[in-house]
C-alpha atoms as a PDB file:
ATOM      1  CA  MET A   1       0.039  -0.044   0.059  1.00  0.00           C
ATOM      2  CA  ASP A   2       3.051   2.129  -0.022  1.00  0.00           C
ATOM      3  CA  VAL A   3       2.596   3.610   3.546  1.00  0.00           C
ATOM      4  CA  GLY A   4       5.467   5.671   4.527  1.00  0.00           C
ATOM      5  CA  PRO A   5       6.992   5.674   8.020  1.00  0.00           C
ATOM      6  CA  TYR A   6       6.141   9.521   8.458  1.00  0.00           C
ATOM      7  CA  PRO A   7       2.439   9.168   8.340  1.00  0.00           C
ATOM      8  CA  LEU A   8       2.569   6.305  10.831  1.00  0.00           C
ATOM      9  CA  THR A   9       4.773   8.260  13.143  1.00  0.00           C
ATOM     10  CA  PHE A  10       2.305  11.252  13.060  1.00  0.00           C
ATOM     11  CA  LEU A  11      -0.537   8.892  13.712  1.00  0.00           C
ATOM     12  CA  ALA A  12       1.243   7.370  16.723  1.00  0.00           C
ATOM     13  CA  ARG A  13       1.638  10.964  17.977  1.00  0.00           C
ATOM     14  CA  TYR A  14      -1.932  11.481  17.561  1.00  0.00           C
ATOM     15  CA  VAL A  15      -2.865   8.310  19.386  1.00  0.00           C
ATOM     16  CA  ARG A  16      -0.745   9.408  22.246  1.00  0.00           C
ATOM     17  CA  ALA A  17      -2.564  12.821  22.365  1.00  0.00           C
ATOM     18  CA  ALA A  18      -6.034  11.751  21.631  1.00  0.00           C
ATOM     19  CA  GLY A  19      -6.242   7.869  22.328  1.00  0.00           C
ATOM     20  CA  VAL A  20      -6.928   5.162  20.113  1.00  0.00           C
ATOM     21  CA  ARG A  21     -10.773   6.003  20.165  1.00  0.00           C
ATOM     22  CA  GLY A  22      -9.937   9.608  19.240  1.00  0.00           C
ATOM     23  CA  ALA A  23      -7.697   8.421  16.187  1.00  0.00           C
ATOM     24  CA  LEU A  24     -10.502   6.110  15.148  1.00  0.00           C
ATOM     25  CA  GLU A  25     -12.882   9.299  14.709  1.00  0.00           C
ATOM     26  CA  LEU A  26     -10.497  10.887  12.244  1.00  0.00           C
ATOM     27  CA  PRO A  27     -12.176  11.215   8.867  1.00  0.00           C
ATOM     28  CA  GLU A  28      -8.856   9.802   7.244  1.00  0.00           C
ATOM     29  CA  PRO A  29      -6.384   8.545   9.750  1.00  0.00           C
ATOM     30  CA  LEU A  30      -3.899   8.043   6.601  1.00  0.00           C
ATOM     31  CA  ILE A  31      -4.502   9.721   3.356  1.00  0.00           C
ATOM     32  CA  GLY A  32      -6.102   7.376   0.727  1.00  0.00           C
ATOM     33  CA  ALA A  33      -9.217   5.143   1.232  1.00  0.00           C
ATOM     34  CA  GLU A  34      -7.380   1.756   1.288  1.00  0.00           C
ATOM     35  CA  ARG A  35      -4.740   2.994   3.717  1.00  0.00           C
ATOM     36  CA  ALA A  36      -7.428   4.747   5.888  1.00  0.00           C
ATOM     37  CA  GLU A  37      -9.423   1.439   5.969  1.00  0.00           C
ATOM     38  CA  LEU A  38      -6.251  -0.624   6.748  1.00  0.00           C
ATOM     39  CA  VAL A  39      -5.422   1.769   9.836  1.00  0.00           C
ATOM     40  CA  ARG A  40      -9.022   1.760  10.878  1.00  0.00           C
ATOM     41  CA  GLY A  41      -8.768  -2.032  11.227  1.00  0.00           C
ATOM     42  CA  TRP A  42      -5.824  -1.728  13.326  1.00  0.00           C
ATOM     43  CA  LEU A  43      -7.313   0.988  15.579  1.00  0.00           C
ATOM     44  CA  SER A  44     -10.446  -0.897  15.956  1.00  0.00           C
ATOM     45  CA  ALA A  45      -8.313  -3.992  17.177  1.00  0.00           C
ATOM     46  CA  GLY A  46      -6.652  -1.672  19.684  1.00  0.00           C
ATOM     47  CA  ILE A  47      -9.833  -0.519  21.466  1.00  0.00           C
ATOM     48  CA  THR A  48     -10.377  -1.982  24.764  1.00  0.00           C
ATOM     49  CA  ALA A  49     -13.641  -2.282  26.805  1.00  0.00           C
ATOM     50  CA  GLU A  50     -12.167  -0.007  29.549  1.00  0.00           C
ATOM     51  CA  PRO A  51      -9.810   2.701  27.954  1.00  0.00           C
ATOM     52  CA  VAL A  52      -6.601   2.959  29.681  1.00  0.00           C
ATOM     53  CA  PRO A  53      -3.964   5.669  28.884  1.00  0.00           C
ATOM     54  CA  ALA A  54      -1.332   3.004  29.080  1.00  0.00           C
ATOM     55  CA  ASP A  55      -3.127   0.908  26.485  1.00  0.00           C
ATOM     56  CA  ASP A  56      -3.182   4.065  24.146  1.00  0.00           C
ATOM     57  CA  ASP A  57       0.692   4.554  24.677  1.00  0.00           C
ATOM     58  CA  LEU A  58       1.384   0.718  24.021  1.00  0.00           C
ATOM     59  CA  PHE A  59      -0.561   1.054  20.851  1.00  0.00           C
ATOM     60  CA  ALA A  60       1.263   4.238  19.865  1.00  0.00           C
ATOM     61  CA  GLN A  61       4.504   2.349  20.436  1.00  0.00           C
ATOM     62  CA  TRP A  62       3.490  -0.478  18.260  1.00  0.00           C
ATOM     63  CA  ILE A  63       2.591   2.037  15.311  1.00  0.00           C
ATOM     64  CA  ASP A  64       5.919   3.666  15.984  1.00  0.00           C
ATOM     65  CA  THR A  65       7.613   0.223  15.576  1.00  0.00           C
ATOM     66  CA  VAL A  66       5.809  -0.396  12.387  1.00  0.00           C
ATOM     67  CA  ALA A  67       7.006   2.954  11.113  1.00  0.00           C
ATOM     68  CA  MET A  68      10.567   2.156  12.155  1.00  0.00           C
ATOM     69  CA  LEU A  69      10.503  -1.190  10.347  1.00  0.00           C
ATOM     70  CA  LEU A  70       9.249   0.430   7.224  1.00  0.00           C
ATOM     71  CA  ALA A  71      11.875   3.026   7.354  1.00  0.00           C
ATOM     72  CA  VAL A  72      14.522   0.293   7.587  1.00  0.00           C
ATOM     73  CA  ARG A  73      12.930  -1.651   4.788  1.00  0.00           C
ATOM     74  CA  ARG A  74      13.041   1.491   2.621  1.00  0.00           C
ATOM     75  CA  SER A  75      16.794   2.164   3.567  1.00  0.00           C
ATOM     76  CA  VAL A  76      17.825  -1.469   2.901  1.00  0.00           C
ATOM     77  CA  GLY A  77      15.812  -1.369  -0.344  1.00  0.00           C
ATOM     78  CA  ARG A  78      17.908   1.634  -1.489  1.00  0.00           C
ATOM     79  CA  ALA A  79      21.278   0.254  -0.458  1.00  0.00           C
ATOM     80  CA  SER A  80      20.833  -2.951  -2.589  1.00  0.00           C
END
């Protein structure tokens, strides 16, 4: 889907600020219908019955990790 690391890092910051539920309310959490739908699935999976700020932070860390892996993948792809 060609999702870059920067938009995911931005989304992780938003999750830390507004929570997973807040991010799920964004009209387009990532630009593009397919990307937005993909991320909405992630966000929906991250919602717990009882919202806890630590859960939001853990989910944001996961998004940051995905962004880091994408960045590494891109840099390795350029090196080869």
